Amino acid sequence: MSNAIAINDPEFDTEVIQASQPVLVYFWAAWCGPCRLMSPVINWAAENYSDRLKVVKMEVDPNQVTVKQYQVEGVPALRLFQGSQLIASSEGAIAKPKLISFLDPHLN
């Protein structure tokens, strides 16, 4: 079973910007109730999209550089990258069907 990979500020460039495939970044916090609801959906995406998408998770409190750079206003938040380009973003908890409709238009 594939789960989202936990990363931090120093790893962001290597794991996201230089990735060879699109990357979904899931911003979360330990104190965030909706984040606990989203975690299984994010892990589902990591499992089911593993052939065409890399999924990483980043805790917001210890990673303020990336949070500020990509204007994460609240958690949970999603940012979808293709290379160095931010191609889609979402804030707030979303269910699996909405996550699918968020991802599918950007993936081949």
PDB file of N, CA and C in Angstrom:
ATOM      1  N   MET A   1       0.842  -1.190   0.000  1.00  0.00           N
ATOM      2  CA  MET A   1       0.000   0.000   0.000  1.00  0.00           C
ATOM      3  C   MET A   1       0.879   1.242   0.000  1.00  0.00           C
ATOM      4  N   SER A   2       0.613   2.123  -0.898  1.00  0.00           N
ATOM      5  CA  SER A   2       1.404   3.341  -1.034  1.00  0.00           C
ATOM      6  C   SER A   2       0.746   4.475  -0.257  1.00  0.00           C
ATOM      7  N   ASN A   3       1.512   5.165   0.546  1.00  0.00           N
ATOM      8  CA  ASN A   3       1.007   6.317   1.280  1.00  0.00           C
ATOM      9  C   ASN A   3       1.721   7.565   0.804  1.00  0.00           C
ATOM     10  N   ALA A   4       1.129   8.707   1.112  1.00  0.00           N
ATOM     11  CA  ALA A   4       1.769   9.977   0.797  1.00  0.00           C
ATOM     12  C   ALA A   4       3.104  10.055   1.534  1.00  0.00           C
ATOM     13  N   ILE A   5       4.087  10.648   0.886  1.00  0.00           N
ATOM     14  CA  ILE A   5       5.435  10.783   1.432  1.00  0.00           C
ATOM     15  C   ILE A   5       5.511  12.084   2.230  1.00  0.00           C
ATOM     16  N   ALA A   6       5.948  12.009   3.476  1.00  0.00           N
ATOM     17  CA  ALA A   6       6.110  13.216   4.297  1.00  0.00           C
ATOM     18  C   ALA A   6       7.395  13.936   3.891  1.00  0.00           C
ATOM     19  N   ILE A   7       7.271  15.245   3.619  1.00  0.00           N
ATOM     20  CA  ILE A   7       8.446  16.052   3.261  1.00  0.00           C
ATOM     21  C   ILE A   7       8.464  17.315   4.112  1.00  0.00           C
ATOM     22  N   ASN A   8       9.605  18.026   4.054  1.00  0.00           N
ATOM     23  CA  ASN A   8       9.714  19.306   4.751  1.00  0.00           C
ATOM     24  C   ASN A   8      10.329  20.344   3.813  1.00  0.00           C
ATOM     25  N   ASP A   9      10.444  21.579   4.304  1.00  0.00           N
ATOM     26  CA  ASP A   9      10.934  22.688   3.465  1.00  0.00           C
ATOM     27  C   ASP A   9      12.181  22.351   2.643  1.00  0.00           C
ATOM     28  N   PRO A  10      13.265  21.824   3.262  1.00  0.00           N
ATOM     29  CA  PRO A  10      14.483  21.582   2.478  1.00  0.00           C
ATOM     30  C   PRO A  10      14.299  20.556   1.356  1.00  0.00           C
ATOM     31  N   GLU A  11      13.329  19.667   1.475  1.00  0.00           N
ATOM     32  CA  GLU A  11      13.111  18.624   0.470  1.00  0.00           C
ATOM     33  C   GLU A  11      12.157  19.045  -0.648  1.00  0.00           C
ATOM     34  N   PHE A  12      11.489  20.175  -0.480  1.00  0.00           N
ATOM     35  CA  PHE A  12      10.430  20.563  -1.409  1.00  0.00           C
ATOM     36  C   PHE A  12      10.921  20.657  -2.855  1.00  0.00           C
ATOM     37  N   ASP A  13      12.048  21.309  -3.063  1.00  0.00           N
ATOM     38  CA  ASP A  13      12.561  21.487  -4.421  1.00  0.00           C
ATOM     39  C   ASP A  13      12.838  20.140  -5.093  1.00  0.00           C
ATOM     40  N   THR A  14      13.516  19.251  -4.390  1.00  0.00           N
ATOM     41  CA  THR A  14      13.861  17.942  -4.952  1.00  0.00           C
ATOM     42  C   THR A  14      12.636  17.069  -5.160  1.00  0.00           C
ATOM     43  N   GLU A  15      11.762  17.006  -4.160  1.00  0.00           N
ATOM     44  CA  GLU A  15      10.620  16.091  -4.202  1.00  0.00           C
ATOM     45  C   GLU A  15       9.465  16.588  -5.072  1.00  0.00           C
ATOM     46  N   VAL A  16       9.320  17.904  -5.206  1.00  0.00           N
ATOM     47  CA  VAL A  16       8.168  18.461  -5.924  1.00  0.00           C
ATOM     48  C   VAL A  16       8.582  19.135  -7.226  1.00  0.00           C
ATOM     49  N   ILE A  17       9.390  20.170  -7.136  1.00  0.00           N
ATOM     50  CA  ILE A  17       9.733  20.981  -8.306  1.00  0.00           C
ATOM     51  C   ILE A  17      10.516  20.172  -9.345  1.00  0.00           C
ATOM     52  N   GLN A  18      11.431  19.305  -8.903  1.00  0.00           N
ATOM     53  CA  GLN A  18      12.250  18.530  -9.837  1.00  0.00           C
ATOM     54  C   GLN A  18      11.655  17.163 -10.166  1.00  0.00           C
ATOM     55  N   ALA A  19      10.458  16.870  -9.697  1.00  0.00           N
ATOM     56  CA  ALA A  19       9.843  15.559  -9.942  1.00  0.00           C
ATOM     57  C   ALA A  19       9.546  15.379 -11.425  1.00  0.00           C
ATOM     58  N   SER A  20       9.633  14.145 -11.886  1.00  0.00           N
ATOM     59  CA  SER A  20       9.404  13.851 -13.303  1.00  0.00           C
ATOM     60  C   SER A  20       7.918  13.694 -13.642  1.00  0.00           C
ATOM     61  N   GLN A  21       7.076  13.600 -12.634  1.00  0.00           N
ATOM     62  CA  GLN A  21       5.638  13.464 -12.870  1.00  0.00           C
ATOM     63  C   GLN A  21       4.910  14.521 -12.036  1.00  0.00           C
ATOM     64  N   PRO A  22       3.621  14.747 -12.282  1.00  0.00           N
ATOM     65  CA  PRO A  22       2.887  15.712 -11.460  1.00  0.00           C
ATOM     66  C   PRO A  22       2.948  15.313  -9.982  1.00  0.00           C
ATOM     67  N   VAL A  23       2.891  16.330  -9.112  1.00  0.00           N
ATOM     68  CA  VAL A  23       2.954  16.089  -7.672  1.00  0.00           C
ATOM     69  C   VAL A  23       1.787  16.795  -6.985  1.00  0.00           C
ATOM     70  N   LEU A  24       1.062  16.033  -6.168  1.00  0.00           N
ATOM     71  CA  LEU A  24       0.025  16.596  -5.319  1.00  0.00           C
ATOM     72  C   LEU A  24       0.640  16.816  -3.938  1.00  0.00           C
ATOM     73  N   VAL A  25       0.628  18.073  -3.481  1.00  0.00           N
ATOM     74  CA  VAL A  25       1.127  18.390  -2.148  1.00  0.00           C
ATOM     75  C   VAL A  25      -0.075  18.616  -1.239  1.00  0.00           C
ATOM     76  N   TYR A  26      -0.120  17.849  -0.180  1.00  0.00           N
ATOM     77  CA  TYR A  26      -1.192  17.929   0.816  1.00  0.00           C
ATOM     78  C   TYR A  26      -0.641  18.632   2.049  1.00  0.00           C
ATOM     79  N   PHE A  27      -1.143  19.840   2.309  1.00  0.00           N
ATOM     80  CA  PHE A  27      -0.735  20.599   3.485  1.00  0.00           C
ATOM     81  C   PHE A  27      -1.707  20.295   4.617  1.00  0.00           C
ATOM     82  N   TRP A  28      -1.161  19.964   5.792  1.00  0.00           N
ATOM     83  CA  TRP A  28      -2.003  19.539   6.903  1.00  0.00           C
ATOM     84  C   TRP A  28      -1.410  20.009   8.222  1.00  0.00           C
ATOM     85  N   ALA A  29      -2.160  19.809   9.310  1.00  0.00           N
ATOM     86  CA  ALA A  29      -1.673  20.126  10.656  1.00  0.00           C
ATOM     87  C   ALA A  29      -2.227  19.093  11.628  1.00  0.00           C
ATOM     88  N   ALA A  30      -1.432  18.786  12.653  1.00  0.00           N
ATOM     89  CA  ALA A  30      -1.826  17.788  13.649  1.00  0.00           C
ATOM     90  C   ALA A  30      -3.073  18.223  14.414  1.00  0.00           C
ATOM     91  N   TRP A  31      -3.258  19.531  14.591  1.00  0.00           N
ATOM     92  CA  TRP A  31      -4.385  20.057  15.352  1.00  0.00           C
ATOM     93  C   TRP A  31      -5.651  20.227  14.511  1.00  0.00           C
ATOM     94  N   CYS A  32      -5.596  19.886  13.250  1.00  0.00           N
ATOM     95  CA  CYS A  32      -6.682  20.145  12.294  1.00  0.00           C
ATOM     96  C   CYS A  32      -7.620  18.939  12.179  1.00  0.00           C
ATOM     97  N   GLY A  33      -8.842  19.079  12.662  1.00  0.00           N
ATOM     98  CA  GLY A  33      -9.832  18.007  12.576  1.00  0.00           C
ATOM     99  C   GLY A  33     -10.139  17.580  11.145  1.00  0.00           C
ATOM    100  N   PRO A  34     -10.451  18.525  10.244  1.00  0.00           N
ATOM    101  CA  PRO A  34     -10.719  18.139   8.855  1.00  0.00           C
ATOM    102  C   PRO A  34      -9.538  17.429   8.179  1.00  0.00           C
ATOM    103  N   CYS A  35      -8.313  17.730   8.631  1.00  0.00           N
ATOM    104  CA  CYS A  35      -7.136  17.048   8.070  1.00  0.00           C
ATOM    105  C   CYS A  35      -7.185  15.551   8.378  1.00  0.00           C
ATOM    106  N   ARG A  36      -7.653  15.207   9.577  1.00  0.00           N
ATOM    107  CA  ARG A  36      -7.762  13.788   9.940  1.00  0.00           C
ATOM    108  C   ARG A  36      -8.762  13.082   9.021  1.00  0.00           C
ATOM    109  N   LEU A  37      -9.802  13.795   8.595  1.00  0.00           N
ATOM    110  CA  LEU A  37     -10.778  13.219   7.667  1.00  0.00           C
ATOM    111  C   LEU A  37     -10.186  13.063   6.266  1.00  0.00           C
ATOM    112  N   MET A  38      -9.307  13.971   5.892  1.00  0.00           N
ATOM    113  CA  MET A  38      -8.720  13.962   4.545  1.00  0.00           C
ATOM    114  C   MET A  38      -7.601  12.942   4.383  1.00  0.00           C
ATOM    115  N   SER A  39      -6.895  12.601   5.453  1.00  0.00           N
ATOM    116  CA  SER A  39      -5.732  11.720   5.340  1.00  0.00           C
ATOM    117  C   SER A  39      -6.028  10.403   4.616  1.00  0.00           C
ATOM    118  N   PRO A  40      -7.134   9.694   4.928  1.00  0.00           N
ATOM    119  CA  PRO A  40      -7.410   8.461   4.182  1.00  0.00           C
ATOM    120  C   PRO A  40      -7.652   8.708   2.687  1.00  0.00           C
ATOM    121  N   VAL A  41      -8.248   9.841   2.353  1.00  0.00           N
ATOM    122  CA  VAL A  41      -8.511  10.176   0.941  1.00  0.00           C
ATOM    123  C   VAL A  41      -7.187  10.454   0.226  1.00  0.00           C
ATOM    124  N   ILE A  42      -6.278  11.140   0.905  1.00  0.00           N
ATOM    125  CA  ILE A  42      -4.961  11.428   0.322  1.00  0.00           C
ATOM    126  C   ILE A  42      -4.181  10.134   0.119  1.00  0.00           C
ATOM    127  N   ASN A  43      -4.223   9.248   1.102  1.00  0.00           N
ATOM    128  CA  ASN A  43      -3.536   7.958   0.956  1.00  0.00           C
ATOM    129  C   ASN A  43      -4.175   7.118  -0.144  1.00  0.00           C
ATOM    130  N   TRP A  44      -5.499   7.220  -0.305  1.00  0.00           N
ATOM    131  CA  TRP A  44      -6.187   6.539  -1.410  1.00  0.00           C
ATOM    132  C   TRP A  44      -5.646   7.064  -2.746  1.00  0.00           C
ATOM    133  N   ALA A  45      -5.492   8.379  -2.856  1.00  0.00           N
ATOM    134  CA  ALA A  45      -4.971   8.973  -4.095  1.00  0.00           C
ATOM    135  C   ALA A  45      -3.536   8.500  -4.351  1.00  0.00           C
ATOM    136  N   ALA A  46      -2.718   8.437  -3.299  1.00  0.00           N
ATOM    137  CA  ALA A  46      -1.332   7.971  -3.449  1.00  0.00           C
ATOM    138  C   ALA A  46      -1.319   6.545  -3.984  1.00  0.00           C
ATOM    139  N   GLU A  47      -2.248   5.730  -3.531  1.00  0.00           N
ATOM    140  CA  GLU A  47      -2.343   4.331  -3.965  1.00  0.00           C
ATOM    141  C   GLU A  47      -2.878   4.220  -5.392  1.00  0.00           C
ATOM    142  N   ASN A  48      -3.967   4.909  -5.674  1.00  0.00           N
ATOM    143  CA  ASN A  48      -4.686   4.720  -6.928  1.00  0.00           C
ATOM    144  C   ASN A  48      -4.154   5.530  -8.105  1.00  0.00           C
ATOM    145  N   TYR A  49      -3.389   6.562  -7.830  1.00  0.00           N
ATOM    146  CA  TYR A  49      -2.807   7.377  -8.900  1.00  0.00           C
ATOM    147  C   TYR A  49      -1.297   7.196  -8.992  1.00  0.00           C
ATOM    148  N   SER A  50      -0.758   6.187  -8.338  1.00  0.00           N
ATOM    149  CA  SER A  50       0.698   6.044  -8.230  1.00  0.00           C
ATOM    150  C   SER A  50       1.399   5.939  -9.576  1.00  0.00           C
ATOM    151  N   ASP A  51       0.693   5.511 -10.611  1.00  0.00           N
ATOM    152  CA  ASP A  51       1.308   5.378 -11.932  1.00  0.00           C
ATOM    153  C   ASP A  51       1.460   6.712 -12.656  1.00  0.00           C
ATOM    154  N   ARG A  52       0.759   7.747 -12.202  1.00  0.00           N
ATOM    155  CA  ARG A  52       0.813   9.032 -12.915  1.00  0.00           C
ATOM    156  C   ARG A  52       0.885  10.255 -12.018  1.00  0.00           C
ATOM    157  N   LEU A  53       1.026  10.030 -10.707  1.00  0.00           N
ATOM    158  CA  LEU A  53       1.037  11.141  -9.766  1.00  0.00           C
ATOM    159  C   LEU A  53       1.843  10.767  -8.522  1.00  0.00           C
ATOM    160  N   LYS A  54       2.655  11.705  -8.073  1.00  0.00           N
ATOM    161  CA  LYS A  54       3.358  11.553  -6.803  1.00  0.00           C
ATOM    162  C   LYS A  54       2.563  12.351  -5.768  1.00  0.00           C
ATOM    163  N   VAL A  55       2.370  11.773  -4.599  1.00  0.00           N
ATOM    164  CA  VAL A  55       1.619  12.446  -3.538  1.00  0.00           C
ATOM    165  C   VAL A  55       2.536  12.631  -2.333  1.00  0.00           C
ATOM    166  N   VAL A  56       2.662  13.885  -1.901  1.00  0.00           N
ATOM    167  CA  VAL A  56       3.471  14.192  -0.723  1.00  0.00           C
ATOM    168  C   VAL A  56       2.610  14.974   0.271  1.00  0.00           C
ATOM    169  N   LYS A  57       2.986  14.878   1.540  1.00  0.00           N
ATOM    170  CA  LYS A  57       2.277  15.652   2.560  1.00  0.00           C
ATOM    171  C   LYS A  57       3.274  16.490   3.334  1.00  0.00           C
ATOM    172  N   MET A  58       2.827  17.682   3.700  1.00  0.00           N
ATOM    173  CA  MET A  58       3.694  18.623   4.389  1.00  0.00           C
ATOM    174  C   MET A  58       2.934  19.232   5.559  1.00  0.00           C
ATOM    175  N   GLU A  59       3.465  19.042   6.761  1.00  0.00           N
ATOM    176  CA  GLU A  59       2.858  19.643   7.944  1.00  0.00           C
ATOM    177  C   GLU A  59       3.159  21.139   7.926  1.00  0.00           C
ATOM    178  N   VAL A  60       2.134  21.965   8.103  1.00  0.00           N
ATOM    179  CA  VAL A  60       2.309  23.405   7.910  1.00  0.00           C
ATOM    180  C   VAL A  60       3.139  24.086   8.992  1.00  0.00           C
ATOM    181  N   ASP A  61       2.950  23.719  10.263  1.00  0.00           N
ATOM    182  CA  ASP A  61       3.612  24.462  11.340  1.00  0.00           C
ATOM    183  C   ASP A  61       5.139  24.457  11.250  1.00  0.00           C
ATOM    184  N   PRO A  62       5.797  23.319  10.998  1.00  0.00           N
ATOM    185  CA  PRO A  62       7.270  23.365  10.922  1.00  0.00           C
ATOM    186  C   PRO A  62       7.814  23.747   9.540  1.00  0.00           C
ATOM    187  N   ASN A  63       6.953  24.033   8.582  1.00  0.00           N
ATOM    188  CA  ASN A  63       7.416  24.283   7.203  1.00  0.00           C
ATOM    189  C   ASN A  63       6.885  25.606   6.661  1.00  0.00           C
ATOM    190  N   GLN A  64       7.147  26.675   7.399  1.00  0.00           N
ATOM    191  CA  GLN A  64       6.587  27.985   7.069  1.00  0.00           C
ATOM    192  C   GLN A  64       7.111  28.584   5.762  1.00  0.00           C
ATOM    193  N   VAL A  65       8.304  28.214   5.332  1.00  0.00           N
ATOM    194  CA  VAL A  65       8.849  28.766   4.092  1.00  0.00           C
ATOM    195  C   VAL A  65       7.958  28.369   2.909  1.00  0.00           C
ATOM    196  N   THR A  66       7.669  27.095   2.788  1.00  0.00           N
ATOM    197  CA  THR A  66       6.841  26.602   1.682  1.00  0.00           C
ATOM    198  C   THR A  66       5.403  27.068   1.837  1.00  0.00           C
ATOM    199  N   VAL A  67       4.884  27.048   3.051  1.00  0.00           N
ATOM    200  CA  VAL A  67       3.513  27.504   3.312  1.00  0.00           C
ATOM    201  C   VAL A  67       3.333  28.950   2.835  1.00  0.00           C
ATOM    202  N   LYS A  68       4.300  29.795   3.148  1.00  0.00           N
ATOM    203  CA  LYS A  68       4.231  31.203   2.738  1.00  0.00           C
ATOM    204  C   LYS A  68       4.393  31.333   1.222  1.00  0.00           C
ATOM    205  N   GLN A  69       5.343  30.613   0.660  1.00  0.00           N
ATOM    206  CA  GLN A  69       5.626  30.716  -0.770  1.00  0.00           C
ATOM    207  C   GLN A  69       4.411  30.346  -1.615  1.00  0.00           C
ATOM    208  N   TYR A  70       3.652  29.342  -1.181  1.00  0.00           N
ATOM    209  CA  TYR A  70       2.505  28.883  -1.966  1.00  0.00           C
ATOM    210  C   TYR A  70       1.173  29.309  -1.364  1.00  0.00           C
ATOM    211  N   GLN A  71       1.224  30.339  -0.506  1.00  0.00           N
ATOM    212  CA  GLN A  71       0.059  31.027   0.028  1.00  0.00           C
ATOM    213  C   GLN A  71      -0.999  30.074   0.580  1.00  0.00           C
ATOM    214  N   VAL A  72      -0.549  29.171   1.437  1.00  0.00           N
ATOM    215  CA  VAL A  72      -1.479  28.267   2.103  1.00  0.00           C
ATOM    216  C   VAL A  72      -2.126  29.053   3.241  1.00  0.00           C
ATOM    217  N   GLU A  73      -3.416  29.347   3.086  1.00  0.00           N
ATOM    218  CA  GLU A  73      -4.141  30.174   4.049  1.00  0.00           C
ATOM    219  C   GLU A  73      -4.789  29.339   5.147  1.00  0.00           C
ATOM    220  N   GLY A  74      -5.155  28.109   4.824  1.00  0.00           N
ATOM    221  CA  GLY A  74      -5.821  27.246   5.783  1.00  0.00           C
ATOM    222  C   GLY A  74      -5.530  25.799   5.449  1.00  0.00           C
ATOM    223  N   VAL A  75      -5.835  24.922   6.384  1.00  0.00           N
ATOM    224  CA  VAL A  75      -5.619  23.491   6.154  1.00  0.00           C
ATOM    225  C   VAL A  75      -6.926  22.749   6.390  1.00  0.00           C
ATOM    226  N   PRO A  76      -7.114  21.643   5.723  1.00  0.00           N
ATOM    227  CA  PRO A  76      -6.222  21.043   4.727  1.00  0.00           C
ATOM    228  C   PRO A  76      -6.199  21.863   3.436  1.00  0.00           C
ATOM    229  N   ALA A  77      -5.076  21.767   2.737  1.00  0.00           N
ATOM    230  CA  ALA A  77      -4.921  22.456   1.456  1.00  0.00           C
ATOM    231  C   ALA A  77      -4.193  21.539   0.485  1.00  0.00           C
ATOM    232  N   LEU A  78      -4.536  21.682  -0.783  1.00  0.00           N
ATOM    233  CA  LEU A  78      -3.907  20.898  -1.840  1.00  0.00           C
ATOM    234  C   LEU A  78      -3.288  21.835  -2.855  1.00  0.00           C
ATOM    235  N   ARG A  79      -2.108  21.472  -3.330  1.00  0.00           N
ATOM    236  CA  ARG A  79      -1.456  22.182  -4.428  1.00  0.00           C
ATOM    237  C   ARG A  79      -0.964  21.116  -5.404  1.00  0.00           C
ATOM    238  N   LEU A  80      -1.323  21.280  -6.661  1.00  0.00           N
ATOM    239  CA  LEU A  80      -0.919  20.330  -7.696  1.00  0.00           C
ATOM    240  C   LEU A  80       0.130  20.993  -8.580  1.00  0.00           C
ATOM    241  N   PHE A  81       1.276  20.353  -8.694  1.00  0.00           N
ATOM    242  CA  PHE A  81       2.403  20.875  -9.464  1.00  0.00           C
ATOM    243  C   PHE A  81       2.715  19.988 -10.651  1.00  0.00           C
ATOM    244  N   GLN A  82       3.086  20.621 -11.754  1.00  0.00           N
ATOM    245  CA  GLN A  82       3.666  19.932 -12.904  1.00  0.00           C
ATOM    246  C   GLN A  82       4.975  20.641 -13.145  1.00  0.00           C
ATOM    247  N   GLY A  83       6.081  19.983 -12.798  1.00  0.00           N
ATOM    248  CA  GLY A  83       7.377  20.655 -12.854  1.00  0.00           C
ATOM    249  C   GLY A  83       7.376  21.797 -11.853  1.00  0.00           C
ATOM    250  N   SER A  84       7.811  22.962 -12.271  1.00  0.00           N
ATOM    251  CA  SER A  84       7.844  24.107 -11.361  1.00  0.00           C
ATOM    252  C   SER A  84       6.538  24.891 -11.362  1.00  0.00           C
ATOM    253  N   GLN A  85       5.576  24.455 -12.167  1.00  0.00           N
ATOM    254  CA  GLN A  85       4.311  25.175 -12.303  1.00  0.00           C
ATOM    255  C   GLN A  85       3.264  24.680 -11.315  1.00  0.00           C
ATOM    256  N   LEU A  86       2.641  25.600 -10.595  1.00  0.00           N
ATOM    257  CA  LEU A  86       1.466  25.294  -9.786  1.00  0.00           C
ATOM    258  C   LEU A  86       0.282  25.299 -10.739  1.00  0.00           C
ATOM    259  N   ILE A  87      -0.368  24.146 -10.936  1.00  0.00           N
ATOM    260  CA  ILE A  87      -1.433  24.067 -11.939  1.00  0.00           C
ATOM    261  C   ILE A  87      -2.837  23.998 -11.350  1.00  0.00           C
ATOM    262  N   ALA A  88      -2.960  23.721 -10.056  1.00  0.00           N
ATOM    263  CA  ALA A  88      -4.276  23.716  -9.419  1.00  0.00           C
ATOM    264  C   ALA A  88      -4.099  23.811  -7.912  1.00  0.00           C
ATOM    265  N   SER A  89      -5.087  24.391  -7.236  1.00  0.00           N
ATOM    266  CA  SER A  89      -5.037  24.469  -5.785  1.00  0.00           C
ATOM    267  C   SER A  89      -6.445  24.387  -5.211  1.00  0.00           C
ATOM    268  N   SER A  90      -6.504  23.943  -3.970  1.00  0.00           N
ATOM    269  CA  SER A  90      -7.773  23.801  -3.266  1.00  0.00           C
ATOM    270  C   SER A  90      -7.514  23.978  -1.779  1.00  0.00           C
ATOM    271  N   GLU A  91      -8.454  24.602  -1.093  1.00  0.00           N
ATOM    272  CA  GLU A  91      -8.355  24.737   0.364  1.00  0.00           C
ATOM    273  C   GLU A  91      -9.622  24.163   0.973  1.00  0.00           C
ATOM    274  N   GLY A  92      -9.470  23.504   2.102  1.00  0.00           N
ATOM    275  CA  GLY A  92     -10.605  22.906   2.788  1.00  0.00           C
ATOM    276  C   GLY A  92     -10.709  21.417   2.490  1.00  0.00           C
ATOM    277  N   ALA A  93     -11.408  20.716   3.363  1.00  0.00           N
ATOM    278  CA  ALA A  93     -11.571  19.272   3.202  1.00  0.00           C
ATOM    279  C   ALA A  93     -12.461  18.977   1.998  1.00  0.00           C
ATOM    280  N   ILE A  94     -12.079  17.973   1.227  1.00  0.00           N
ATOM    281  CA  ILE A  94     -12.892  17.530   0.102  1.00  0.00           C
ATOM    282  C   ILE A  94     -13.011  16.004   0.146  1.00  0.00           C
ATOM    283  N   ALA A  95     -14.123  15.508  -0.347  1.00  0.00           N
ATOM    284  CA  ALA A  95     -14.368  14.067  -0.383  1.00  0.00           C
ATOM    285  C   ALA A  95     -13.707  13.458  -1.616  1.00  0.00           C
ATOM    286  N   LYS A  96     -13.648  12.144  -1.640  1.00  0.00           N
ATOM    287  CA  LYS A  96     -12.990  11.434  -2.736  1.00  0.00           C
ATOM    288  C   LYS A  96     -13.503  11.839  -4.123  1.00  0.00           C
ATOM    289  N   PRO A  97     -14.845  11.942  -4.358  1.00  0.00           N
ATOM    290  CA  PRO A  97     -15.297  12.329  -5.706  1.00  0.00           C
ATOM    291  C   PRO A  97     -14.785  13.706  -6.138  1.00  0.00           C
ATOM    292  N   LYS A  98     -14.726  14.641  -5.201  1.00  0.00           N
ATOM    293  CA  LYS A  98     -14.216  15.976  -5.534  1.00  0.00           C
ATOM    294  C   LYS A  98     -12.710  15.936  -5.787  1.00  0.00           C
ATOM    295  N   LEU A  99     -11.977  15.108  -5.039  1.00  0.00           N
ATOM    296  CA  LEU A  99     -10.547  14.956  -5.288  1.00  0.00           C
ATOM    297  C   LEU A  99     -10.307  14.389  -6.680  1.00  0.00           C
ATOM    298  N   ILE A 100     -11.090  13.413  -7.068  1.00  0.00           N
ATOM    299  CA  ILE A 100     -10.969  12.839  -8.410  1.00  0.00           C
ATOM    300  C   ILE A 100     -11.209  13.914  -9.474  1.00  0.00           C
ATOM    301  N   SER A 101     -12.247  14.720  -9.291  1.00  0.00           N
ATOM    302  CA  SER A 101     -12.524  15.777 -10.287  1.00  0.00           C
ATOM    303  C   SER A 101     -11.487  16.888 -10.240  1.00  0.00           C
ATOM    304  N   PHE A 102     -10.782  17.037  -9.117  1.00  0.00           N
ATOM    305  CA  PHE A 102      -9.682  17.997  -8.994  1.00  0.00           C
ATOM    306  C   PHE A 102      -8.461  17.499  -9.753  1.00  0.00           C
ATOM    307  N   LEU A 103      -8.177  16.194  -9.671  1.00  0.00           N
ATOM    308  CA  LEU A 103      -6.968  15.631 -10.270  1.00  0.00           C
ATOM    309  C   LEU A 103      -7.109  15.264 -11.732  1.00  0.00           C
ATOM    310  N   ASP A 104      -8.188  14.582 -12.082  1.00  0.00           N
ATOM    311  CA  ASP A 104      -8.303  13.963 -13.411  1.00  0.00           C
ATOM    312  C   ASP A 104      -8.087  14.906 -14.598  1.00  0.00           C
ATOM    313  N   PRO A 105      -8.587  16.144 -14.578  1.00  0.00           N
ATOM    314  CA  PRO A 105      -8.368  17.008 -15.740  1.00  0.00           C
ATOM    315  C   PRO A 105      -6.886  17.307 -16.027  1.00  0.00           C
ATOM    316  N   HIS A 106      -6.033  17.144 -15.009  1.00  0.00           N
ATOM    317  CA  HIS A 106      -4.616  17.493 -15.147  1.00  0.00           C
ATOM    318  C   HIS A 106      -3.713  16.294 -15.413  1.00  0.00           C
ATOM    319  N   LEU A 107      -4.275  15.094 -15.380  1.00  0.00           N
ATOM    320  CA  LEU A 107      -3.470  13.897 -15.528  1.00  0.00           C
ATOM    321  C   LEU A 107      -3.864  13.160 -16.794  1.00  0.00           C
ATOM    322  N   ASN A 108      -2.880  12.590 -17.464  1.00  0.00           N
ATOM    323  CA  ASN A 108      -3.165  11.822 -18.694  1.00  0.00           C
ATOM    324  C   ASN A 108      -3.468  10.380 -18.365  1.00  0.00           C
TER     325      ASN A 108
END
